[in-house]
Protein backbone atom coordinates (compact mmCIF):
# COMPACT_ATOMS: atom_id res chain seq x y z
CA MET A 1 -6.77 -25.19 -16.17
CA ILE A 2 -6.44 -21.89 -14.36
CA ASN A 3 -8.39 -18.80 -15.40
CA GLN A 4 -6.19 -16.90 -17.86
CA GLU A 5 -7.95 -13.60 -17.10
CA ILE A 6 -6.77 -13.86 -13.49
CA SER A 7 -3.23 -14.66 -14.69
CA LYS A 8 -3.37 -11.59 -16.96
CA ILE A 9 -4.45 -9.33 -14.07
CA ILE A 10 -1.69 -10.70 -11.84
CA LYS A 11 0.90 -10.02 -14.55
CA LEU A 12 -0.42 -6.46 -15.03
CA ARG A 13 0.09 -5.61 -11.34
CA GLN A 14 2.86 -3.12 -10.89
CA SER A 15 4.11 -0.40 -8.62
CA VAL A 16 3.30 3.05 -9.94
CA PHE A 17 5.50 5.64 -8.28
CA PRO A 18 3.97 8.95 -7.17
CA ARG A 19 6.16 10.82 -9.68
CA HIS A 20 3.98 9.25 -12.40
CA PHE A 21 0.69 10.43 -10.89
CA ASN A 22 -1.15 13.23 -12.66
CA GLY A 23 -2.65 14.88 -9.56
CA ARG A 24 -6.26 13.98 -10.35
CA THR A 25 -8.48 12.91 -7.47
CA ILE A 26 -9.90 9.40 -7.22
CA ASP A 27 -13.49 9.26 -6.05
CA ASN A 28 -13.85 7.99 -2.48
CA ASP A 29 -16.34 5.33 -3.68
CA ILE A 30 -13.61 3.82 -5.85
CA VAL A 31 -11.16 3.88 -2.93
CA LEU A 32 -13.80 2.15 -0.81
CA GLU A 33 -14.18 -0.52 -3.49
CA LEU A 34 -10.40 -1.06 -3.46
CA LEU A 35 -10.47 -1.39 0.33
CA ASN A 36 -13.42 -3.79 0.16
CA ASN A 37 -11.31 -5.97 -2.10
CA ALA A 38 -8.44 -5.67 0.37
CA ASN A 39 -10.78 -6.89 3.08
CA THR A 40 -11.21 -10.25 1.31
CA ALA A 41 -7.58 -11.23 1.93
CA PRO A 42 -7.00 -14.50 3.75
CA SER A 43 -5.90 -14.56 7.36
CA HIS A 44 -5.16 -17.45 9.69
CA ARG A 45 -8.06 -17.98 12.11
CA MET A 46 -9.84 -15.00 10.48
CA THR A 47 -7.92 -12.49 12.58
CA GLN A 48 -8.17 -9.98 9.69
CA PRO A 49 -5.36 -7.89 11.19
CA TRP A 50 -5.34 -5.11 8.57
CA SER A 51 -6.80 -1.67 8.95
CA PHE A 52 -6.40 1.46 6.89
CA LYS A 53 -6.24 5.14 7.72
CA VAL A 54 -7.14 7.04 4.57
CA PHE A 55 -6.08 10.64 3.98
CA SER A 56 -7.13 12.86 1.09
CA GLY A 57 -7.61 16.54 0.43
CA LYS A 58 -6.94 18.71 3.48
CA SER A 59 -6.33 15.69 5.71
CA LYS A 60 -3.15 14.93 3.70
CA GLU A 61 -1.89 18.39 4.63
CA LYS A 62 -2.74 17.82 8.29
CA LEU A 63 -0.91 14.48 8.25
CA ILE A 64 2.24 15.89 6.62
CA ASN A 65 2.22 18.85 9.05
CA SER A 66 1.79 16.47 11.98
CA ILE A 67 4.71 14.35 10.75
CA ARG A 68 6.85 17.47 10.30
CA SER A 69 6.11 18.79 13.79
CA SER A 70 6.56 15.51 15.66
CA ILE A 71 9.34 13.68 13.78
CA ASP A 72 12.78 15.14 13.14
CA LEU A 73 13.37 14.51 9.44
CA PRO A 74 16.18 15.76 7.23
CA ASP A 75 14.90 18.46 4.86
CA ILE A 76 15.48 16.29 1.79
CA VAL A 77 13.40 13.44 3.26
CA PHE A 78 10.58 15.79 4.21
CA SER A 79 10.66 17.46 0.81
CA LYS A 80 10.25 14.14 -1.02
CA LEU A 81 7.53 13.02 1.39
CA ASN A 82 5.69 16.31 0.95
CA SER A 83 5.95 16.03 -2.85
CA ASN A 84 4.56 12.46 -2.77
CA PHE A 85 1.69 13.55 -0.53
CA LYS A 86 0.75 16.49 -2.78
CA ILE A 87 0.66 14.54 -6.07
CA SER A 88 -1.19 11.53 -4.59
CA SER A 89 -4.96 11.41 -4.57
CA HIS A 90 -5.02 9.42 -1.34
CA ILE A 91 -2.48 8.33 1.25
CA ILE A 92 -3.49 5.04 2.80
CA CYS A 93 -1.67 4.18 6.01
CA ILE A 94 -1.39 0.41 6.08
CA CYS A 95 -1.92 -0.68 9.67
CA MET A 96 -1.95 -4.01 11.41
CA SER A 97 -3.49 -5.03 14.72
CA ARG A 98 -1.45 -7.57 16.63
CA ASN A 99 -3.49 -10.54 17.82
CA LYS A 100 -1.55 -13.01 19.94
CA ILE A 101 -3.59 -15.95 18.60
CA VAL A 102 -1.27 -16.41 15.60
CA PRO A 103 2.41 -15.60 15.00
CA GLU A 104 3.11 -11.98 14.06
CA TRP A 105 4.60 -12.93 10.68
CA GLU A 106 1.24 -14.44 9.68
CA GLU A 107 -0.52 -11.17 10.45
CA ILE A 108 2.07 -9.20 8.48
CA ALA A 109 1.63 -11.64 5.58
CA SER A 110 -2.16 -11.30 5.72
CA THR A 111 -1.89 -7.53 5.71
CA ALA A 112 0.47 -7.72 2.72
CA MET A 113 -2.09 -9.90 0.93
CA ALA A 114 -4.74 -7.25 1.60
CA VAL A 115 -2.45 -4.68 -0.01
CA GLN A 116 -1.83 -7.04 -2.94
CA ASN A 117 -5.61 -7.14 -3.44
CA ILE A 118 -5.60 -3.34 -3.71
CA TRP A 119 -2.82 -3.51 -6.29
CA LEU A 120 -4.58 -6.21 -8.30
CA SER A 121 -7.78 -4.17 -8.24
CA CYS A 122 -5.90 -1.25 -9.81
CA ALA A 123 -4.65 -3.31 -12.75
CA ASP A 124 -5.54 -1.88 -16.16
CA SER A 125 -7.49 1.06 -14.65
CA LYS A 126 -5.16 4.11 -14.78
CA ILE A 127 -5.10 3.99 -10.98
CA GLY A 128 -1.68 3.31 -9.58
CA GLY A 129 -0.26 2.62 -6.19
CA TYR A 130 3.04 2.38 -4.41
CA TRP A 131 3.77 0.92 -0.96
CA SER A 132 6.51 2.81 0.85
CA THR A 133 7.87 2.03 4.28
CA PRO A 134 9.81 5.11 5.37
CA SER A 135 12.69 4.86 7.84
CA PHE A 136 10.63 6.72 10.47
CA ILE A 137 7.72 4.26 10.31
CA ASN A 138 8.06 3.28 13.97
CA GLN A 139 7.66 6.92 15.01
CA LEU A 140 4.15 7.21 13.54
CA GLN A 141 2.39 5.59 16.51
CA ASP A 142 1.31 8.90 18.07
CA VAL A 143 0.80 10.74 14.77
CA LEU A 144 -1.69 8.08 13.64
CA LYS A 145 -3.16 7.61 17.14
CA LEU A 146 -2.48 3.88 17.08
CA ASN A 147 -3.11 1.67 20.09
CA ASN A 148 -0.32 -0.40 21.66
CA HIS A 149 -1.39 -3.52 19.71
CA GLU A 150 -1.37 -1.65 16.38
CA ARG A 151 1.46 -0.66 14.10
CA CYS A 152 1.84 1.06 10.77
CA LEU A 153 3.51 -0.97 8.03
CA GLY A 154 3.78 1.89 5.56
CA PHE A 155 2.08 4.35 3.26
CA PHE A 156 0.23 3.25 0.14
CA TYR A 157 0.32 6.17 -2.26
CA LEU A 158 -2.72 6.05 -4.55
CA GLY A 159 -3.10 8.18 -7.64
CA MET A 160 -4.24 8.47 -11.23
CA TYR A 161 -1.78 8.32 -14.10
CA ASN A 162 -1.93 8.93 -17.84
CA ASP A 163 0.84 6.77 -19.24
CA LEU A 164 3.77 4.94 -17.75
CA PRO A 165 7.25 4.67 -19.16
CA LYS A 166 8.11 1.24 -20.48
CA ARG A 167 9.88 -0.78 -17.83
CA ASN A 168 12.08 -3.63 -18.83
CA LEU A 169 11.95 -5.78 -15.73
CA SER A 170 12.89 -9.37 -16.22
CA ARG A 171 12.05 -11.97 -13.67
CA THR A 172 14.22 -14.98 -13.09
CA ASN A 173 12.86 -18.20 -14.47
CA ILE A 174 10.59 -19.88 -11.93
CA GLU A 175 12.15 -23.26 -12.79
CA GLU A 176 15.32 -22.01 -11.07
CA LYS A 177 13.33 -21.60 -7.85
CA ILE A 178 11.59 -24.96 -7.76
CA ASP A 179 12.68 -28.29 -6.33
CA TRP A 180 10.21 -31.00 -7.30
CA PHE A 181 9.78 -33.97 -4.96
CA ASN A 182 7.88 -36.99 -6.29
């Protein structure tokens, strides 16, 4: 039998959009704990391709200003980005280092599992997160000072929330997605 507490946590995982954040700051020690949990994600041949660039406080302002000055964005896109940055406690840039030992898709998958660990760690805690991959993601190389073998896979907006509106999301039945072979 599987551990029902783990199943409960998995089912509680959800995206919390920045518009639901309350603007309160998450302590850096808690963010470090989330990232430590991310660091336990599996990776083929232990390449551990993920890395994180964490921005909070004044560094969020520096990042948004750097994006504004180096990437030509429509005003509406910048306005939404700026709003998301301001209301978020932390902006975590999800990065991946390319290691030619394994296929790239495996490194992307491992990095996504690291992010899933962050999300699972937020379950039932009033800490929410949202992974966004903006259209200009490939233009962040210089802004984030990434090396040639590194790339940014998106922003993980992290923030506190009070309450969330009820969402009525229904998943398709898993039985429709399974072919059993005996």
